Protein backbone atom coordinates (compact mmCIF):
# COMPACT_ATOMS: atom_id res chain seq x y z
CA MET A 1 95.58 -9.59 -171.51
CA ASP A 2 98.40 -8.89 -173.96
CA ASP A 3 101.03 -9.76 -171.23
CA TYR A 4 99.80 -13.32 -171.11
CA ILE A 5 100.39 -16.21 -173.42
CA LEU A 6 97.80 -18.48 -171.79
CA GLN A 7 94.77 -17.73 -169.81
CA LEU A 8 92.11 -19.91 -168.18
CA ASP A 9 88.94 -17.90 -167.27
CA ARG A 10 86.65 -19.57 -164.78
CA ILE A 11 86.86 -23.14 -166.36
CA GLU A 12 84.27 -25.73 -165.30
CA LYS A 13 84.03 -29.16 -166.24
CA SER A 14 81.90 -32.23 -165.23
CA PHE A 15 81.98 -35.91 -166.32
CA GLY A 16 78.44 -37.19 -165.61
CA ASP A 17 77.43 -36.11 -162.14
CA VAL A 18 81.01 -35.44 -160.98
CA LYS A 19 82.20 -31.90 -161.21
CA VAL A 20 85.95 -32.12 -161.93
CA LEU A 21 86.88 -28.54 -162.44
CA LYS A 22 85.17 -25.75 -160.26
CA GLY A 23 85.87 -22.37 -161.90
CA LEU A 24 89.67 -22.35 -162.49
CA SER A 25 91.22 -19.10 -163.55
CA LEU A 26 95.05 -18.92 -164.31
CA SER A 27 97.32 -16.43 -166.20
CA VAL A 28 100.44 -17.56 -167.64
CA ARG A 29 103.37 -15.27 -168.98
CA PRO A 30 105.40 -16.05 -172.01
CA GLY A 31 108.51 -18.12 -171.17
CA GLU A 32 107.23 -19.16 -167.76
CA PHE A 33 107.58 -22.60 -166.22
CA ILE A 34 104.39 -23.25 -164.30
CA THR A 35 103.36 -26.50 -162.56
CA LEU A 36 100.02 -27.87 -161.63
CA LEU A 37 100.71 -29.71 -158.57
CA GLY A 38 98.18 -32.02 -156.83
CA PRO A 39 97.13 -35.61 -156.08
CA SER A 40 95.51 -38.05 -158.50
CA GLY A 41 91.98 -37.13 -159.26
CA CYS A 42 92.35 -33.36 -158.43
CA GLY A 43 91.80 -32.25 -162.17
CA LYS A 44 95.38 -31.69 -163.43
CA THR A 45 95.13 -33.81 -166.49
CA THR A 46 91.62 -32.45 -167.37
CA THR A 47 92.89 -29.02 -167.15
CA LEU A 48 95.78 -29.93 -169.54
CA ARG A 49 93.53 -31.46 -172.00
CA ILE A 50 91.21 -28.53 -172.00
CA ILE A 51 94.23 -26.34 -172.89
CA ALA A 52 95.36 -28.76 -175.60
CA GLY A 53 91.69 -28.76 -177.03
CA LEU A 54 91.31 -32.54 -176.34
CA GLU A 55 88.41 -31.67 -173.99
CA LYS A 56 85.94 -28.82 -174.13
CA PRO A 57 84.96 -26.98 -170.92
CA ASP A 58 81.35 -26.75 -169.93
CA LYS A 59 81.87 -23.29 -168.86
CA GLY A 60 84.59 -20.70 -169.16
CA LYS A 61 87.14 -19.65 -171.84
CA VAL A 62 90.70 -20.56 -172.90
CA TYR A 63 92.83 -17.84 -174.43
CA LEU A 64 96.12 -18.30 -176.24
CA GLU A 65 98.12 -15.11 -177.03
CA GLY A 66 94.86 -13.23 -176.17
CA LYS A 67 92.79 -15.19 -178.68
CA ASP A 68 89.70 -17.13 -177.59
CA VAL A 69 90.53 -20.70 -178.63
CA THR A 70 87.93 -22.44 -176.35
CA ASN A 71 86.15 -24.06 -179.39
CA GLU A 72 89.20 -24.48 -181.70
CA GLU A 73 90.39 -28.03 -182.57
CA PRO A 74 93.72 -29.18 -181.14
CA ASN A 75 95.66 -28.87 -184.51
CA LYS A 76 94.56 -25.17 -184.70
CA ARG A 77 96.31 -24.37 -181.51
CA ASN A 78 99.97 -23.56 -181.31
CA VAL A 79 100.41 -26.12 -178.38
CA ASN A 80 102.21 -29.53 -178.13
CA THR A 81 101.85 -32.24 -175.43
CA VAL A 82 104.35 -34.58 -174.02
CA PHE A 83 102.69 -37.54 -172.36
CA GLN A 84 103.96 -39.88 -169.56
CA ASN A 85 103.95 -42.93 -171.91
CA TYR A 86 105.89 -41.18 -174.44
CA ALA A 87 103.38 -42.27 -177.31
CA LEU A 88 106.14 -42.80 -179.82
CA PHE A 89 105.39 -44.54 -183.01
CA PRO A 90 106.96 -48.21 -182.51
CA HIS A 91 107.52 -48.69 -186.28
CA MET A 92 109.35 -45.48 -186.91
CA THR A 93 113.04 -44.59 -186.10
CA VAL A 94 113.87 -41.73 -183.79
CA GLU A 95 114.34 -39.58 -186.73
CA GLY A 96 110.99 -40.59 -188.28
CA ASN A 97 109.24 -39.89 -184.93
CA ILE A 98 110.61 -36.43 -184.65
CA SER A 99 110.12 -35.50 -188.29
CA TYR A 100 106.60 -36.87 -188.49
CA SER A 101 104.65 -33.61 -187.91
CA LEU A 102 106.99 -31.75 -190.26
CA ARG A 103 106.37 -34.25 -193.00
CA LEU A 104 102.70 -33.82 -192.49
CA LYS A 105 103.19 -30.08 -193.20
CA ARG A 106 104.88 -31.04 -196.39
CA LEU A 107 108.10 -29.00 -195.55
CA ASP A 108 111.01 -29.68 -197.93
CA ARG A 109 113.54 -32.35 -196.94
CA ALA A 110 116.34 -30.04 -196.27
CA LYS A 111 114.37 -28.03 -193.72
CA ILE A 112 113.11 -31.20 -192.09
CA LYS A 113 116.57 -32.67 -191.75
CA LYS A 114 117.95 -29.34 -190.37
CA ALA A 115 115.01 -29.28 -187.93
CA VAL A 116 115.50 -32.80 -186.75
CA SER A 117 119.35 -32.31 -186.35
CA GLU A 118 118.76 -29.25 -184.14
CA ALA A 119 116.19 -31.07 -181.84
CA LEU A 120 118.47 -34.06 -181.48
CA GLU A 121 121.31 -31.82 -180.48
CA LEU A 122 119.04 -30.06 -178.05
CA VAL A 123 118.03 -33.31 -176.23
CA GLN A 124 121.63 -34.60 -176.57
CA LEU A 125 120.76 -37.67 -178.78
CA VAL A 126 122.84 -37.00 -181.92
CA GLY A 127 123.76 -40.25 -183.35
CA PHE A 128 120.54 -42.05 -182.30
CA GLU A 129 118.70 -41.06 -185.58
CA LYS A 130 118.38 -44.62 -186.99
CA ARG A 131 117.32 -46.31 -183.54
CA MET A 132 113.97 -47.76 -183.01
CA PRO A 133 111.98 -46.89 -179.88
CA HIS A 134 112.44 -50.45 -178.36
CA GLU A 135 116.24 -49.94 -178.59
CA LEU A 136 116.17 -47.00 -176.22
CA SER A 137 116.17 -46.55 -172.55
CA GLY A 138 113.27 -44.87 -170.68
CA GLY A 139 115.17 -41.52 -170.46
CA GLN A 140 116.15 -41.70 -174.16
CA LYS A 141 112.41 -42.28 -175.14
CA GLN A 142 111.44 -39.26 -173.01
CA ARG A 143 114.08 -37.12 -174.72
CA VAL A 144 112.75 -38.22 -178.22
CA ALA A 145 109.15 -37.32 -177.11
CA ILE A 146 110.26 -33.98 -176.06
CA ALA A 147 112.28 -33.40 -179.41
CA ARG A 148 109.13 -34.36 -181.39
CA ALA A 149 107.12 -31.80 -179.46
CA VAL A 150 109.56 -28.87 -179.64
CA VAL A 151 110.47 -29.37 -183.24
CA ASN A 152 107.18 -27.67 -184.12
CA GLU A 153 108.27 -24.61 -182.06
CA PRO A 154 105.00 -24.46 -180.15
CA LYS A 155 104.16 -21.38 -178.05
CA VAL A 156 103.10 -23.58 -175.15
CA LEU A 157 104.52 -27.01 -174.29
CA LEU A 158 102.13 -29.14 -172.08
CA LEU A 159 103.84 -31.98 -170.04
CA ASP A 160 101.53 -34.51 -168.39
CA GLU A 161 103.85 -36.20 -165.64
CA PRO A 162 106.39 -36.98 -168.25
CA LEU A 163 109.07 -38.35 -165.58
CA GLY A 164 106.57 -40.54 -163.80
CA ALA A 165 107.72 -43.70 -165.36
CA LEU A 166 111.44 -43.12 -164.76
CA ASP A 167 113.43 -44.32 -161.73
CA LEU A 168 114.35 -41.77 -158.98
CA GLN A 169 117.94 -41.03 -160.17
CA LEU A 170 117.07 -40.56 -163.88
CA ARG A 171 113.98 -38.54 -162.82
CA ARG A 172 116.18 -36.06 -160.93
CA GLN A 173 118.61 -35.96 -163.80
CA MET A 174 115.77 -35.25 -166.31
CA GLN A 175 114.41 -32.49 -163.95
CA THR A 176 117.76 -30.49 -164.58
CA GLU A 177 117.74 -31.16 -168.17
CA LEU A 178 114.08 -30.16 -168.75
CA LYS A 179 114.66 -26.87 -166.83
CA ARG A 180 117.83 -26.23 -169.03
CA LEU A 181 115.82 -27.02 -172.12
CA GLN A 182 113.03 -24.70 -171.20
CA LYS A 183 115.31 -21.77 -170.43
CA HIS A 184 117.20 -22.33 -173.69
CA LEU A 185 114.18 -22.52 -175.84
CA GLY A 186 112.06 -19.83 -174.03
CA ILE A 187 108.92 -21.80 -174.58
CA THR A 188 106.16 -21.71 -171.97
CA PHE A 189 106.02 -24.90 -170.14
CA VAL A 190 102.78 -26.00 -168.29
CA TYR A 191 103.84 -29.09 -166.42
CA ILE A 192 101.65 -31.40 -164.22
CA THR A 193 102.78 -33.70 -161.48
CA HIS A 194 101.86 -35.04 -158.01
CA ASP A 195 105.64 -34.90 -156.95
CA GLN A 196 106.40 -31.82 -154.80
CA GLU A 197 110.13 -32.18 -155.38
CA GLU A 198 109.66 -31.86 -159.27
CA ALA A 199 107.49 -28.85 -158.59
CA LEU A 200 109.77 -27.09 -156.22
CA ASN A 201 112.96 -27.88 -158.28
CA MET A 202 111.75 -26.71 -161.72
CA SER A 203 109.03 -24.20 -161.54
CA ASP A 204 108.87 -20.41 -161.81
CA ARG A 205 105.32 -20.72 -160.13
CA ILE A 206 103.33 -23.54 -158.62
CA ALA A 207 99.51 -23.89 -158.69
CA VAL A 208 98.51 -26.28 -156.14
CA MET A 209 95.26 -28.06 -156.97
CA ARG A 210 92.70 -29.79 -154.80
CA ASP A 211 89.27 -31.12 -155.85
CA GLY A 212 89.13 -29.02 -158.94
CA LYS A 213 90.21 -25.78 -157.55
CA PHE A 214 93.46 -23.94 -157.01
CA GLU A 215 94.45 -23.79 -153.34
CA GLN A 216 97.40 -21.43 -153.96
CA ILE A 217 99.31 -20.13 -156.82
CA GLY A 218 102.82 -18.65 -156.20
CA THR A 219 106.59 -19.16 -156.51
CA PRO A 220 108.09 -22.22 -154.97
CA GLN A 221 109.33 -20.17 -152.09
CA GLU A 222 105.94 -18.66 -151.45
CA VAL A 223 104.08 -21.93 -151.56
CA TYR A 224 106.61 -23.58 -149.28
CA ASP A 225 107.41 -20.82 -146.84
CA HIS A 226 104.01 -18.99 -146.71
CA PRO A 227 101.30 -21.70 -147.44
CA LYS A 228 97.80 -20.19 -147.31
CA THR A 229 96.05 -23.23 -146.16
CA SER A 230 96.60 -26.28 -144.01
CA TYR A 231 96.35 -28.47 -147.20
CA VAL A 232 99.13 -26.71 -148.97
CA ALA A 233 101.29 -26.78 -145.83
CA ARG A 234 100.90 -30.57 -145.55
CA PHE A 235 101.02 -31.37 -149.24
CA VAL A 236 104.20 -29.30 -149.99
CA GLY A 237 106.77 -30.13 -147.34
CA SER A 238 104.56 -31.98 -144.73
CA ALA A 239 104.19 -29.25 -142.07
CA ASN A 240 102.86 -29.68 -138.67
CA ILE A 241 99.35 -28.27 -138.18
CA ILE A 242 98.54 -26.93 -134.69
CA LYS A 243 95.33 -25.43 -133.70
CA GLY A 244 94.62 -23.07 -130.76
CA THR A 245 93.06 -19.84 -129.51
CA ALA A 246 94.68 -16.33 -129.91
CA TYR A 247 94.90 -14.56 -126.64
CA ASN A 248 97.68 -11.93 -127.21
CA VAL A 249 97.74 -10.18 -130.58
CA ASN A 250 100.02 -7.19 -131.70
CA GLU A 251 101.17 -5.80 -134.85
CA HIS A 252 103.85 -8.53 -135.42
CA THR A 253 102.96 -11.70 -133.56
CA VAL A 254 99.95 -13.80 -132.34
CA VAL A 255 100.35 -15.68 -129.08
CA PHE A 256 98.01 -18.73 -128.96
CA LYS A 257 97.34 -21.36 -126.41
CA ASN A 258 95.78 -24.94 -126.37
CA ASP A 259 95.73 -27.78 -124.01
CA ALA A 260 99.47 -28.56 -124.61
CA GLY A 261 100.72 -24.95 -123.81
CA ILE A 262 101.52 -21.80 -125.54
CA GLY A 263 102.87 -21.02 -129.06
CA VAL A 264 103.88 -17.76 -130.96
CA VAL A 265 103.46 -17.16 -134.70
CA ALA A 266 104.54 -14.22 -136.80
CA LYS A 267 101.58 -12.01 -138.12
CA TYR A 268 102.11 -11.46 -141.82
CA SER A 269 98.66 -10.65 -142.84
CA GLY A 270 95.05 -10.88 -141.73
CA ASN A 271 93.02 -9.58 -138.76
CA ILE A 272 93.29 -11.70 -135.79
CA ALA A 273 91.13 -10.98 -132.80
CA HIS A 274 91.45 -12.00 -129.02
CA GLY A 275 89.87 -15.36 -128.56
CA GLN A 276 89.76 -16.29 -132.15
CA LYS A 277 90.42 -19.83 -133.27
CA VAL A 278 93.72 -20.03 -135.20
CA THR A 279 95.53 -22.67 -137.29
CA VAL A 280 99.30 -22.48 -137.50
CA ALA A 281 101.77 -24.42 -139.84
CA VAL A 282 105.29 -25.24 -138.75
CA ARG A 283 107.78 -27.19 -140.84
CA SER A 284 109.25 -30.15 -139.07
CA GLU A 285 112.79 -28.79 -139.64
CA HIS A 286 111.91 -25.62 -137.70
CA ILE A 287 110.70 -27.48 -134.60
CA LYS A 288 112.97 -27.25 -131.45
CA LEU A 289 112.68 -29.85 -128.58
CA ASN A 290 113.85 -28.70 -125.34
CA LEU A 291 114.45 -31.50 -122.60
CA VAL A 292 112.44 -30.63 -119.55
CA ASN A 293 114.58 -30.43 -116.39
CA TYR A 294 114.31 -28.84 -113.02
CA ASN A 295 115.95 -25.48 -114.24
CA SER A 296 113.76 -25.34 -117.43
CA ASN A 297 111.79 -22.25 -117.83
CA VAL A 298 111.14 -22.50 -121.48
CA THR A 299 107.55 -21.63 -122.70
CA GLY A 300 106.02 -23.71 -125.35
CA LEU A 301 103.96 -26.85 -125.92
CA LYS A 302 104.47 -29.73 -123.61
CA GLY A 303 104.90 -33.24 -124.99
CA VAL A 304 106.75 -36.60 -124.73
CA VAL A 305 109.03 -38.16 -127.29
CA LYS A 306 107.11 -41.01 -128.75
CA GLU A 307 109.43 -42.30 -131.55
CA LYS A 308 112.85 -41.73 -132.98
CA THR A 309 113.79 -42.80 -136.48
CA PHE A 310 116.70 -42.30 -138.92
CA ALA A 311 116.39 -42.50 -142.75
CA GLY A 312 118.19 -41.13 -145.64
CA GLY A 313 120.43 -38.91 -143.61
CA LEU A 314 117.43 -37.39 -141.78
CA LEU A 315 116.58 -37.93 -138.08
CA GLN A 316 112.86 -37.70 -137.28
CA ILE A 317 111.38 -37.49 -133.75
CA ILE A 318 107.72 -37.84 -133.22
CA VAL A 319 106.33 -36.09 -130.23
CA ALA A 320 102.89 -36.68 -128.54
CA LEU A 321 101.63 -33.45 -127.15
CA ALA A 322 99.69 -33.11 -124.01
CA ASP A 323 96.45 -32.21 -125.93
CA GLY A 324 96.62 -35.58 -127.64
CA ASN A 325 97.98 -34.47 -131.00
CA GLU A 326 101.28 -35.42 -132.49
CA LEU A 327 104.01 -33.45 -134.34
CA VAL A 328 107.24 -34.29 -136.04
CA ALA A 329 110.61 -32.67 -135.64
CA SER A 330 113.42 -33.35 -138.09
CA ARG A 331 117.03 -32.60 -138.67
CA HIS A 332 120.04 -33.88 -140.71
CA GLY A 333 122.24 -36.26 -138.86
CA ILE A 334 121.69 -38.36 -135.87
CA ASP A 335 123.14 -36.18 -133.16
CA SER A 336 120.24 -36.23 -130.60
CA SER A 337 120.45 -37.57 -127.10
CA LEU A 338 116.49 -37.57 -126.82
CA VAL A 339 114.93 -41.05 -126.38
CA PRO A 340 111.27 -42.26 -126.34
CA GLY A 341 109.67 -41.28 -122.98
CA ASP A 342 111.64 -37.98 -122.46
CA ASP A 343 109.52 -34.93 -121.50
CA VAL A 344 110.00 -32.01 -123.91
CA ILE A 345 108.95 -28.41 -124.47
CA VAL A 346 108.21 -27.79 -128.14
CA THR A 347 109.27 -24.45 -129.56
CA TRP A 348 110.03 -22.59 -132.80
CA ALA A 349 111.05 -19.14 -134.06
CA PRO A 350 107.87 -17.08 -134.59
CA GLY A 351 109.01 -16.24 -138.17
CA ASN A 352 109.18 -19.93 -138.98
CA ALA A 353 105.46 -20.40 -138.22
CA VAL A 354 102.59 -19.32 -140.53
CA LEU A 355 98.93 -18.69 -139.82
CA VAL A 356 96.85 -20.73 -142.44
CA ASP A 357 93.12 -21.22 -143.25
CA LEU A 358 92.51 -17.46 -142.67
CA GLU A 359 89.24 -16.12 -144.39
CA GLY A 360 89.77 -15.80 -148.02
CA ALA A 361 92.85 -18.03 -147.92
CA HIS A 362 91.89 -19.98 -151.04
CA GLU A 363 93.30 -18.88 -154.46
CA LYS A 364 90.90 -16.70 -156.48
CA GLU A 365 93.00 -15.58 -159.34
CA THR A 366 90.99 -13.83 -162.04
CA ILE A 367 91.95 -12.63 -165.49
């Protein structure tokens, strides 16, 4: 337990008859940037509020630096929160907003001035001390909110979709700045978002949430390249989900078949038996489409090109498989001679496919 700065131990929370959190457990190391990723209503914000002390769990424990703080008030926890709506005091200057909590602690003026100056330099807002919140852009307001949070030197900084109100270009810029800031400060960040790009770009680890549970916890590469469930595969990167029956299994691969044909997937873990139903995830960028011709002897899934679209530098081809399902193939650029109506054989490298929804696939981290 001493190796972790924050731990959630089997947290449960209900509002009325609705069970929002269903036994969450999570261990976070000092200086880690961990993101809770999931759609609206999955329990992300409730989890953050329980860590902050703004909500009490019905069951389970919250530990900070090994100490049980489950029933401690928010002001007794060395934790600060940055909200999406900034929550700046409109009648205070930038300097006043940042120094507010330090003045409550009755620190002397010299220490407060020094801390505010360092915080402004950190978020690149030197010279903005006397401005009012209404004179700031969205990105500048966000920087002030972050400076106000970090000036107290919290052990854990909680960020509740802090970039959600910004436009796309500014959001991407702020992603880089937040990661730089976190590395510079060495503070543990617990970040929540429904944006997979934010999670993949900034996080050391991602905890993918669904209906009050963690579907998978891992590094961005683990979550993207080796999703454990079809939900994670679809939510992070929009993978194709293909079902079939295993009929040839060895140490390294599983060959499966369905009404569209045959596919092969690398076998990383799990025991797969002949005749077992399997679910396979393949990213759209790994799909290869082979035009059927008289000399074609490629083995794969049979399909017909249904649609071909181009957007944002990415070509997407939708294929209707012979079993009635559809999948998407994508690539950068527009260099494809395929047109709607073409017969194709769908293939992929076995190592680019992943078996998902195996028994015990859901995350069950314990502390």
